[in-house]
Amino acid sequence: MSIWNPRSFSARSPDDDLLTTVVGHGGAPYRCPDVPAVDAHIVRLYRRIGRAGPAVPAPAGEIWADIDLLLDRRAWLARVSADPPGPRRRARAGPDLIR
């Protein structure tokens, strides 16, 4: 009998949580538990593009693809952090609120 282990699918970073890790197109893992972590990865990748320069378009294309994945993760994190879990309450309107 085998036990399913979700961490076994990530050979590069077995200690990373699969729900908070974005895997880039080249297989690079980006740990992204929150928006500041995602922003730090994006800044680092922008700097790599700047160092590579326009003479090296192939790695820059892969880096841009990873930035695109990270921006998707950032948008999702921003959405779920702005939308707290639980039932939504409708705003009440009417004269009973004016006191």
PDB file of N, CA and C in Angstrom:
ATOM      1  N   MET A   1       0.848  -1.179   0.000  1.00  0.00           N
ATOM      2  CA  MET A   1       0.000   0.000   0.000  1.00  0.00           C
ATOM      3  C   MET A   1       0.889   1.235   0.000  1.00  0.00           C
ATOM      4  N   SER A   2       0.657   2.136  -0.929  1.00  0.00           N
ATOM      5  CA  SER A   2       1.446   3.362  -0.979  1.00  0.00           C
ATOM      6  C   SER A   2       0.635   4.525  -0.402  1.00  0.00           C
ATOM      7  N   ILE A   3       1.344   5.432   0.177  1.00  0.00           N
ATOM      8  CA  ILE A   3       0.722   6.633   0.745  1.00  0.00           C
ATOM      9  C   ILE A   3       1.002   7.789  -0.189  1.00  0.00           C
ATOM     10  N   TRP A   4      -0.035   8.512  -0.565  1.00  0.00           N
ATOM     11  CA  TRP A   4       0.114   9.642  -1.476  1.00  0.00           C
ATOM     12  C   TRP A   4       0.728  10.804  -0.725  1.00  0.00           C
ATOM     13  N   ASN A   5       1.797  11.333  -1.256  1.00  0.00           N
ATOM     14  CA  ASN A   5       2.477  12.469  -0.653  1.00  0.00           C
ATOM     15  C   ASN A   5       2.566  13.574  -1.683  1.00  0.00           C
ATOM     16  N   PRO A   6       1.818  14.693  -1.499  1.00  0.00           N
ATOM     17  CA  PRO A   6       1.840  15.756  -2.504  1.00  0.00           C
ATOM     18  C   PRO A   6       3.214  16.373  -2.680  1.00  0.00           C
ATOM     19  N   ARG A   7       4.063  16.330  -1.670  1.00  0.00           N
ATOM     20  CA  ARG A   7       5.398  16.905  -1.791  1.00  0.00           C
ATOM     21  C   ARG A   7       6.300  16.099  -2.727  1.00  0.00           C
ATOM     22  N   SER A   8       5.942  14.854  -2.982  1.00  0.00           N
ATOM     23  CA  SER A   8       6.787  14.017  -3.826  1.00  0.00           C
ATOM     24  C   SER A   8       6.758  14.455  -5.293  1.00  0.00           C
ATOM     25  N   PHE A   9       5.835  15.295  -5.680  1.00  0.00           N
ATOM     26  CA  PHE A   9       5.765  15.754  -7.061  1.00  0.00           C
ATOM     27  C   PHE A   9       6.782  16.837  -7.360  1.00  0.00           C
ATOM     28  N   SER A  10       7.353  17.454  -6.354  1.00  0.00           N
ATOM     29  CA  SER A  10       8.303  18.532  -6.558  1.00  0.00           C
ATOM     30  C   SER A  10       9.701  18.041  -6.221  1.00  0.00           C
ATOM     31  N   ALA A  11      10.428  17.592  -7.233  1.00  0.00           N
ATOM     32  CA  ALA A  11      11.761  17.053  -6.995  1.00  0.00           C
ATOM     33  C   ALA A  11      12.763  18.144  -6.648  1.00  0.00           C
ATOM     34  N   ARG A  12      12.561  19.350  -7.193  1.00  0.00           N
ATOM     35  CA  ARG A  12      13.503  20.439  -6.954  1.00  0.00           C
ATOM     36  C   ARG A  12      13.443  20.985  -5.534  1.00  0.00           C
ATOM     37  N   SER A  13      12.252  21.103  -4.978  1.00  0.00           N
ATOM     38  CA  SER A  13      12.099  21.723  -3.667  1.00  0.00           C
ATOM     39  C   SER A  13      11.084  20.947  -2.840  1.00  0.00           C
ATOM     40  N   PRO A  14      11.503  19.822  -2.275  1.00  0.00           N
ATOM     41  CA  PRO A  14      10.550  18.974  -1.558  1.00  0.00           C
ATOM     42  C   PRO A  14       9.990  19.616  -0.292  1.00  0.00           C
ATOM     43  N   ASP A  15      10.659  20.609   0.262  1.00  0.00           N
ATOM     44  CA  ASP A  15      10.177  21.219   1.491  1.00  0.00           C
ATOM     45  C   ASP A  15       9.162  22.338   1.249  1.00  0.00           C
ATOM     46  N   ASP A  16       9.047  22.786   0.026  1.00  0.00           N
ATOM     47  CA  ASP A  16       8.115  23.873  -0.278  1.00  0.00           C
ATOM     48  C   ASP A  16       6.683  23.378  -0.328  1.00  0.00           C
ATOM     49  N   ASP A  17       5.793  24.192   0.137  1.00  0.00           N
ATOM     50  CA  ASP A  17       4.375  23.857   0.076  1.00  0.00           C
ATOM     51  C   ASP A  17       3.894  24.075  -1.352  1.00  0.00           C
ATOM     52  N   LEU A  18       3.272  23.069  -1.925  1.00  0.00           N
ATOM     53  CA  LEU A  18       2.822  23.166  -3.316  1.00  0.00           C
ATOM     54  C   LEU A  18       1.774  24.249  -3.520  1.00  0.00           C
ATOM     55  N   LEU A  19       1.056  24.617  -2.475  1.00  0.00           N
ATOM     56  CA  LEU A  19       0.031  25.645  -2.631  1.00  0.00           C
ATOM     57  C   LEU A  19       0.610  27.056  -2.626  1.00  0.00           C
ATOM     58  N   THR A  20       1.830  27.218  -2.173  1.00  0.00           N
ATOM     59  CA  THR A  20       2.422  28.557  -2.131  1.00  0.00           C
ATOM     60  C   THR A  20       3.624  28.679  -3.051  1.00  0.00           C
ATOM     61  N   THR A  21       3.851  27.708  -3.915  1.00  0.00           N
ATOM     62  CA  THR A  21       5.000  27.743  -4.816  1.00  0.00           C
ATOM     63  C   THR A  21       4.529  27.819  -6.261  1.00  0.00           C
ATOM     64  N   VAL A  22       5.080  28.774  -6.974  1.00  0.00           N
ATOM     65  CA  VAL A  22       4.845  28.900  -8.413  1.00  0.00           C
ATOM     66  C   VAL A  22       6.059  28.283  -9.094  1.00  0.00           C
ATOM     67  N   VAL A  23       5.830  27.373 -10.014  1.00  0.00           N
ATOM     68  CA  VAL A  23       6.930  26.746 -10.744  1.00  0.00           C
ATOM     69  C   VAL A  23       7.043  27.426 -12.099  1.00  0.00           C
ATOM     70  N   GLY A  24       8.197  28.008 -12.350  1.00  0.00           N
ATOM     71  CA  GLY A  24       8.424  28.725 -13.601  1.00  0.00           C
ATOM     72  C   GLY A  24       8.536  27.792 -14.784  1.00  0.00           C
ATOM     73  N   HIS A  25       8.606  28.369 -15.977  1.00  0.00           N
ATOM     74  CA  HIS A  25       8.646  27.574 -17.194  1.00  0.00           C
ATOM     75  C   HIS A  25       9.906  26.722 -17.292  1.00  0.00           C
ATOM     76  N   GLY A  26      10.989  27.185 -16.712  1.00  0.00           N
ATOM     77  CA  GLY A  26      12.224  26.401 -16.711  1.00  0.00           C
ATOM     78  C   GLY A  26      12.329  25.464 -15.525  1.00  0.00           C
ATOM     79  N   GLY A  27      11.286  25.407 -14.705  1.00  0.00           N
ATOM     80  CA  GLY A  27      11.280  24.536 -13.542  1.00  0.00           C
ATOM     81  C   GLY A  27      11.723  25.208 -12.253  1.00  0.00           C
ATOM     82  N   ALA A  28      12.063  26.482 -12.311  1.00  0.00           N
ATOM     83  CA  ALA A  28      12.509  27.192 -11.105  1.00  0.00           C
ATOM     84  C   ALA A  28      11.333  27.403 -10.155  1.00  0.00           C
ATOM     85  N   PRO A  29      11.490  27.022  -8.883  1.00  0.00           N
ATOM     86  CA  PRO A  29      10.402  27.237  -7.914  1.00  0.00           C
ATOM     87  C   PRO A  29      10.487  28.637  -7.314  1.00  0.00           C
ATOM     88  N   TYR A  30       9.349  29.296  -7.226  1.00  0.00           N
ATOM     89  CA  TYR A  30       9.253  30.617  -6.601  1.00  0.00           C
ATOM     90  C   TYR A  30       8.275  30.487  -5.434  1.00  0.00           C
ATOM     91  N   ARG A  31       8.787  30.581  -4.224  1.00  0.00           N
ATOM     92  CA  ARG A  31       7.918  30.481  -3.048  1.00  0.00           C
ATOM     93  C   ARG A  31       7.183  31.796  -2.895  1.00  0.00           C
ATOM     94  N   CYS A  32       5.848  31.746  -2.947  1.00  0.00           N
ATOM     95  CA  CYS A  32       5.016  32.946  -2.980  1.00  0.00           C
ATOM     96  C   CYS A  32       3.867  32.870  -1.983  1.00  0.00           C
ATOM     97  N   PRO A  33       4.140  32.915  -0.672  1.00  0.00           N
ATOM     98  CA  PRO A  33       3.048  32.840   0.292  1.00  0.00           C
ATOM     99  C   PRO A  33       2.251  34.129   0.423  1.00  0.00           C
ATOM    100  N   ASP A  34       2.849  35.263  -0.012  1.00  0.00           N
ATOM    101  CA  ASP A  34       2.159  36.539   0.121  1.00  0.00           C
ATOM    102  C   ASP A  34       2.610  37.497  -0.984  1.00  0.00           C
ATOM    103  N   VAL A  35       1.933  38.646  -1.066  1.00  0.00           N
ATOM    104  CA  VAL A  35       2.213  39.620  -2.131  1.00  0.00           C
ATOM    105  C   VAL A  35       3.649  40.156  -2.057  1.00  0.00           C
ATOM    106  N   PRO A  36       4.183  40.520  -0.874  1.00  0.00           N
ATOM    107  CA  PRO A  36       5.566  41.002  -0.845  1.00  0.00           C
ATOM    108  C   PRO A  36       6.583  39.975  -1.361  1.00  0.00           C
ATOM    109  N   ALA A  37       6.358  38.698  -1.113  1.00  0.00           N
ATOM    110  CA  ALA A  37       7.268  37.666  -1.630  1.00  0.00           C
ATOM    111  C   ALA A  37       7.206  37.610  -3.150  1.00  0.00           C
ATOM    112  N   VAL A  38       6.010  37.721  -3.703  1.00  0.00           N
ATOM    113  CA  VAL A  38       5.859  37.725  -5.165  1.00  0.00           C
ATOM    114  C   VAL A  38       6.553  38.944  -5.753  1.00  0.00           C
ATOM    115  N   ASP A  39       6.346  40.109  -5.133  1.00  0.00           N
ATOM    116  CA  ASP A  39       6.985  41.333  -5.625  1.00  0.00           C
ATOM    117  C   ASP A  39       8.505  41.217  -5.612  1.00  0.00           C
ATOM    118  N   ALA A  40       9.065  40.587  -4.581  1.00  0.00           N
ATOM    119  CA  ALA A  40      10.517  40.412  -4.509  1.00  0.00           C
ATOM    120  C   ALA A  40      11.020  39.535  -5.654  1.00  0.00           C
ATOM    121  N   HIS A  41      10.280  38.482  -5.988  1.00  0.00           N
ATOM    122  CA  HIS A  41      10.679  37.626  -7.115  1.00  0.00           C
ATOM    123  C   HIS A  41      10.618  38.403  -8.433  1.00  0.00           C
ATOM    124  N   ILE A  42       9.570  39.196  -8.605  1.00  0.00           N
ATOM    125  CA  ILE A  42       9.417  39.962  -9.845  1.00  0.00           C
ATOM    126  C   ILE A  42      10.561  40.962  -9.998  1.00  0.00           C
ATOM    127  N   VAL A  43      10.909  41.654  -8.913  1.00  0.00           N
ATOM    128  CA  VAL A  43      12.016  42.619  -8.963  1.00  0.00           C
ATOM    129  C   VAL A  43      13.313  41.914  -9.329  1.00  0.00           C
ATOM    130  N   ARG A  44      13.565  40.753  -8.727  1.00  0.00           N
ATOM    131  CA  ARG A  44      14.785  40.007  -9.024  1.00  0.00           C
ATOM    132  C   ARG A  44      14.834  39.582 -10.490  1.00  0.00           C
ATOM    133  N   LEU A  45      13.686  39.163 -11.034  1.00  0.00           N
ATOM    134  CA  LEU A  45      13.656  38.755 -12.439  1.00  0.00           C
ATOM    135  C   LEU A  45      13.832  39.943 -13.386  1.00  0.00           C
ATOM    136  N   TYR A  46      13.243  41.092 -13.044  1.00  0.00           N
ATOM    137  CA  TYR A  46      13.469  42.301 -13.860  1.00  0.00           C
ATOM    138  C   TYR A  46      14.949  42.653 -13.903  1.00  0.00           C
ATOM    139  N   ARG A  47      15.617  42.515 -12.770  1.00  0.00           N
ATOM    140  CA  ARG A  47      17.057  42.812 -12.728  1.00  0.00           C
ATOM    141  C   ARG A  47      17.839  41.832 -13.590  1.00  0.00           C
ATOM    142  N   ARG A  48      17.433  40.570 -13.609  1.00  0.00           N
ATOM    143  CA  ARG A  48      18.106  39.592 -14.475  1.00  0.00           C
ATOM    144  C   ARG A  48      17.949  39.962 -15.944  1.00  0.00           C
ATOM    145  N   ILE A  49      16.766  40.446 -16.315  1.00  0.00           N
ATOM    146  CA  ILE A  49      16.557  40.867 -17.712  1.00  0.00           C
ATOM    147  C   ILE A  49      17.470  42.046 -18.033  1.00  0.00           C
ATOM    148  N   GLY A  50      17.575  42.984 -17.105  1.00  0.00           N
ATOM    149  CA  GLY A  50      18.441  44.147 -17.316  1.00  0.00           C
ATOM    150  C   GLY A  50      19.899  43.762 -17.470  1.00  0.00           C
ATOM    151  N   ARG A  51      20.350  42.783 -16.696  1.00  0.00           N
ATOM    152  CA  ARG A  51      21.748  42.339 -16.801  1.00  0.00           C
ATOM    153  C   ARG A  51      21.994  41.581 -18.095  1.00  0.00           C
ATOM    154  N   ALA A  52      20.996  40.824 -18.556  1.00  0.00           N
ATOM    155  CA  ALA A  52      21.172  40.044 -19.787  1.00  0.00           C
ATOM    156  C   ALA A  52      21.240  40.954 -21.003  1.00  0.00           C
ATOM    157  N   GLY A  53      20.449  42.016 -20.995  1.00  0.00           N
ATOM    158  CA  GLY A  53      20.450  42.949 -22.111  1.00  0.00           C
ATOM    159  C   GLY A  53      19.705  42.414 -23.322  1.00  0.00           C
ATOM    160  N   PRO A  54      19.559  43.238 -24.346  1.00  0.00           N
ATOM    161  CA  PRO A  54      18.800  42.843 -25.540  1.00  0.00           C
ATOM    162  C   PRO A  54      19.530  41.823 -26.416  1.00  0.00           C
ATOM    163  N   ALA A  55      20.810  41.605 -26.170  1.00  0.00           N
ATOM    164  CA  ALA A  55      21.566  40.674 -27.007  1.00  0.00           C
ATOM    165  C   ALA A  55      21.236  39.221 -26.681  1.00  0.00           C
ATOM    166  N   VAL A  56      20.541  38.977 -25.572  1.00  0.00           N
ATOM    167  CA  VAL A  56      20.224  37.609 -25.156  1.00  0.00           C
ATOM    168  C   VAL A  56      18.706  37.465 -25.041  1.00  0.00           C
ATOM    169  N   PRO A  57      17.978  37.353 -26.170  1.00  0.00           N
ATOM    170  CA  PRO A  57      16.513  37.336 -26.108  1.00  0.00           C
ATOM    171  C   PRO A  57      15.906  36.034 -25.597  1.00  0.00           C
ATOM    172  N   ALA A  58      16.577  34.892 -25.787  1.00  0.00           N
ATOM    173  CA  ALA A  58      15.971  33.617 -25.388  1.00  0.00           C
ATOM    174  C   ALA A  58      15.761  33.521 -23.877  1.00  0.00           C
ATOM    175  N   PRO A  59      16.781  33.752 -23.031  1.00  0.00           N
ATOM    176  CA  PRO A  59      16.532  33.705 -21.592  1.00  0.00           C
ATOM    177  C   PRO A  59      15.564  34.798 -21.143  1.00  0.00           C
ATOM    178  N   ALA A  60      15.612  35.938 -21.796  1.00  0.00           N
ATOM    179  CA  ALA A  60      14.699  37.016 -21.421  1.00  0.00           C
ATOM    180  C   ALA A  60      13.245  36.601 -21.672  1.00  0.00           C
ATOM    181  N   GLY A  61      12.995  35.856 -22.745  1.00  0.00           N
ATOM    182  CA  GLY A  61      11.636  35.387 -23.018  1.00  0.00           C
ATOM    183  C   GLY A  61      11.134  34.440 -21.944  1.00  0.00           C
ATOM    184  N   GLU A  62      12.014  33.566 -21.460  1.00  0.00           N
ATOM    185  CA  GLU A  62      11.634  32.651 -20.385  1.00  0.00           C
ATOM    186  C   GLU A  62      11.408  33.418 -19.081  1.00  0.00           C
ATOM    187  N   ILE A  63      12.222  34.422 -18.843  1.00  0.00           N
ATOM    188  CA  ILE A  63      12.056  35.237 -17.631  1.00  0.00           C
ATOM    189  C   ILE A  63      10.739  35.996 -17.689  1.00  0.00           C
ATOM    190  N   TRP A  64      10.409  36.555 -18.854  1.00  0.00           N
ATOM    191  CA  TRP A  64       9.128  37.266 -18.988  1.00  0.00           C
ATOM    192  C   TRP A  64       7.959  36.308 -18.759  1.00  0.00           C
ATOM    193  N   ALA A  65       8.087  35.076 -19.216  1.00  0.00           N
ATOM    194  CA  ALA A  65       7.025  34.091 -18.996  1.00  0.00           C
ATOM    195  C   ALA A  65       6.875  33.794 -17.502  1.00  0.00           C
ATOM    196  N   ASP A  66       7.997  33.713 -16.774  1.00  0.00           N
ATOM    197  CA  ASP A  66       7.929  33.508 -15.332  1.00  0.00           C
ATOM    198  C   ASP A  66       7.319  34.717 -14.634  1.00  0.00           C
ATOM    199  N   ILE A  67       7.659  35.917 -15.088  1.00  0.00           N
ATOM    200  CA  ILE A  67       7.058  37.128 -14.515  1.00  0.00           C
ATOM    201  C   ILE A  67       5.555  37.113 -14.722  1.00  0.00           C
ATOM    202  N   ASP A  68       5.121  36.660 -15.894  1.00  0.00           N
ATOM    203  CA  ASP A  68       3.684  36.561 -16.166  1.00  0.00           C
ATOM    204  C   ASP A  68       3.001  35.611 -15.186  1.00  0.00           C
ATOM    205  N   LEU A  69       3.618  34.463 -14.914  1.00  0.00           N
ATOM    206  CA  LEU A  69       3.069  33.530 -13.928  1.00  0.00           C
ATOM    207  C   LEU A  69       3.000  34.166 -12.540  1.00  0.00           C
ATOM    208  N   LEU A  70       4.055  34.894 -12.186  1.00  0.00           N
ATOM    209  CA  LEU A  70       4.093  35.540 -10.868  1.00  0.00           C
ATOM    210  C   LEU A  70       3.046  36.645 -10.762  1.00  0.00           C
ATOM    211  N   LEU A  71       2.806  37.349 -11.851  1.00  0.00           N
ATOM    212  CA  LEU A  71       1.759  38.385 -11.832  1.00  0.00           C
ATOM    213  C   LEU A  71       0.374  37.757 -11.661  1.00  0.00           C
ATOM    214  N   ASP A  72       0.165  36.588 -12.269  1.00  0.00           N
ATOM    215  CA  ASP A  72      -1.095  35.876 -12.046  1.00  0.00           C
ATOM    216  C   ASP A  72      -1.248  35.502 -10.580  1.00  0.00           C
ATOM    217  N   ARG A  73      -0.179  35.000  -9.976  1.00  0.00           N
ATOM    218  CA  ARG A  73      -0.209  34.641  -8.552  1.00  0.00           C
ATOM    219  C   ARG A  73      -0.465  35.876  -7.693  1.00  0.00           C
ATOM    220  N   ARG A  74       0.166  37.007  -8.061  1.00  0.00           N
ATOM    221  CA  ARG A  74      -0.015  38.243  -7.302  1.00  0.00           C
ATOM    222  C   ARG A  74      -1.467  38.709  -7.359  1.00  0.00           C
ATOM    223  N   ALA A  75      -2.064  38.640  -8.532  1.00  0.00           N
ATOM    224  CA  ALA A  75      -3.462  39.055  -8.674  1.00  0.00           C
ATOM    225  C   ALA A  75      -4.368  38.160  -7.831  1.00  0.00           C
ATOM    226  N   TRP A  76      -4.102  36.856  -7.827  1.00  0.00           N
ATOM    227  CA  TRP A  76      -4.908  35.942  -7.018  1.00  0.00           C
ATOM    228  C   TRP A  76      -4.746  36.230  -5.533  1.00  0.00           C
ATOM    229  N   LEU A  77      -3.505  36.438  -5.094  1.00  0.00           N
ATOM    230  CA  LEU A  77      -3.269  36.741  -3.678  1.00  0.00           C
ATOM    231  C   LEU A  77      -3.941  38.042  -3.265  1.00  0.00           C
ATOM    232  N   ALA A  78      -3.866  39.055  -4.118  1.00  0.00           N
ATOM    233  CA  ALA A  78      -4.507  40.331  -3.804  1.00  0.00           C
ATOM    234  C   ALA A  78      -6.020  40.158  -3.701  1.00  0.00           C
ATOM    235  N   ARG A  79      -6.568  39.326  -4.560  1.00  0.00           N
ATOM    236  CA  ARG A  79      -8.023  39.105  -4.541  1.00  0.00           C
ATOM    237  C   ARG A  79      -8.459  38.371  -3.276  1.00  0.00           C
ATOM    238  N   VAL A  80      -7.763  37.292  -2.921  1.00  0.00           N
ATOM    239  CA  VAL A  80      -8.194  36.517  -1.759  1.00  0.00           C
ATOM    240  C   VAL A  80      -7.890  37.228  -0.448  1.00  0.00           C
ATOM    241  N   SER A  81      -6.860  38.070  -0.418  1.00  0.00           N
ATOM    242  CA  SER A  81      -6.573  38.789   0.826  1.00  0.00           C
ATOM    243  C   SER A  81      -7.531  39.959   1.016  1.00  0.00           C
ATOM    244  N   ALA A  82      -8.101  40.469  -0.065  1.00  0.00           N
ATOM    245  CA  ALA A  82      -9.069  41.565   0.041  1.00  0.00           C
ATOM    246  C   ALA A  82     -10.482  41.039   0.257  1.00  0.00           C
ATOM    247  N   ASP A  83     -10.689  39.761   0.073  1.00  0.00           N
ATOM    248  CA  ASP A  83     -12.004  39.149   0.169  1.00  0.00           C
ATOM    249  C   ASP A  83     -11.993  38.150   1.318  1.00  0.00           C
ATOM    250  N   PRO A  84     -12.266  38.604   2.569  1.00  0.00           N
ATOM    251  CA  PRO A  84     -12.161  37.696   3.711  1.00  0.00           C
ATOM    252  C   PRO A  84     -13.156  36.539   3.619  1.00  0.00           C
ATOM    253  N   PRO A  85     -12.764  35.375   4.149  1.00  0.00           N
ATOM    254  CA  PRO A  85     -13.680  34.235   4.100  1.00  0.00           C
ATOM    255  C   PRO A  85     -14.871  34.434   5.025  1.00  0.00           C
ATOM    256  N   GLY A  86     -15.909  33.698   4.756  1.00  0.00           N
ATOM    257  CA  GLY A  86     -17.099  33.779   5.598  1.00  0.00           C
ATOM    258  C   GLY A  86     -18.264  34.361   4.839  1.00  0.00           C
ATOM    259  N   PRO A  87     -19.425  34.368   5.478  1.00  0.00           N
ATOM    260  CA  PRO A  87     -20.615  34.886   4.791  1.00  0.00           C
ATOM    261  C   PRO A  87     -20.515  36.389   4.582  1.00  0.00           C
ATOM    262  N   ARG A  88     -21.023  36.800   3.470  1.00  0.00           N
ATOM    263  CA  ARG A  88     -21.031  38.237   3.168  1.00  0.00           C
ATOM    264  C   ARG A  88     -22.285  38.867   3.738  1.00  0.00           C
ATOM    265  N   ARG A  89     -22.130  40.042   4.269  1.00  0.00           N
ATOM    266  CA  ARG A  89     -23.269  40.755   4.826  1.00  0.00           C
ATOM    267  C   ARG A  89     -23.650  41.891   3.901  1.00  0.00           C
ATOM    268  N   ARG A  90     -24.910  42.016   3.682  1.00  0.00           N
ATOM    269  CA  ARG A  90     -25.389  43.109   2.845  1.00  0.00           C
ATOM    270  C   ARG A  90     -25.472  44.363   3.691  1.00  0.00           C
ATOM    271  N   ALA A  91     -25.143  45.455   3.097  1.00  0.00           N
ATOM    272  CA  ALA A  91     -25.246  46.722   3.804  1.00  0.00           C
ATOM    273  C   ALA A  91     -26.720  47.057   3.991  1.00  0.00           C
ATOM    274  N   ARG A  92     -27.051  47.373   5.204  1.00  0.00           N
ATOM    275  CA  ARG A  92     -28.447  47.737   5.479  1.00  0.00           C
ATOM    276  C   ARG A  92     -28.629  49.213   5.182  1.00  0.00           C
ATOM    277  N   ALA A  93     -29.752  49.516   4.641  1.00  0.00           N
ATOM    278  CA  ALA A  93     -30.074  50.911   4.361  1.00  0.00           C
ATOM    279  C   ALA A  93     -31.447  51.199   4.966  1.00  0.00           C
ATOM    280  N   GLY A  94     -31.627  52.395   5.352  1.00  0.00           N
ATOM    281  CA  GLY A  94     -32.924  52.763   5.880  1.00  0.00           C
ATOM    282  C   GLY A  94     -32.803  53.703   7.069  1.00  0.00           C
ATOM    283  N   PRO A  95     -33.920  54.202   7.532  1.00  0.00           N
ATOM    284  CA  PRO A  95     -33.906  55.204   8.588  1.00  0.00           C
ATOM    285  C   PRO A  95     -33.434  54.650   9.937  1.00  0.00           C
ATOM    286  N   ASP A  96     -33.490  53.318  10.132  1.00  0.00           N
ATOM    287  CA  ASP A  96     -33.059  52.777  11.414  1.00  0.00           C
ATOM    288  C   ASP A  96     -31.544  52.888  11.618  1.00  0.00           C
ATOM    289  N   LEU A  97     -30.780  53.145  10.581  1.00  0.00           N
ATOM    290  CA  LEU A  97     -29.348  53.317  10.721  1.00  0.00           C
ATOM    291  C   LEU A  97     -28.966  54.758  11.030  1.00  0.00           C
ATOM    292  N   ILE A  98     -29.839  55.689  10.802  1.00  0.00           N
ATOM    293  CA  ILE A  98     -29.560  57.108  11.037  1.00  0.00           C
ATOM    294  C   ILE A  98     -30.031  57.449  12.428  1.00  0.00           C
ATOM    295  N   ARG A  99     -29.157  57.555  13.361  1.00  0.00           N
ATOM    296  CA  ARG A  99     -29.505  57.897  14.746  1.00  0.00           C
ATOM    297  C   ARG A  99     -28.560  58.912  15.289  1.00  0.00           C
TER     298      ARG A  99
END
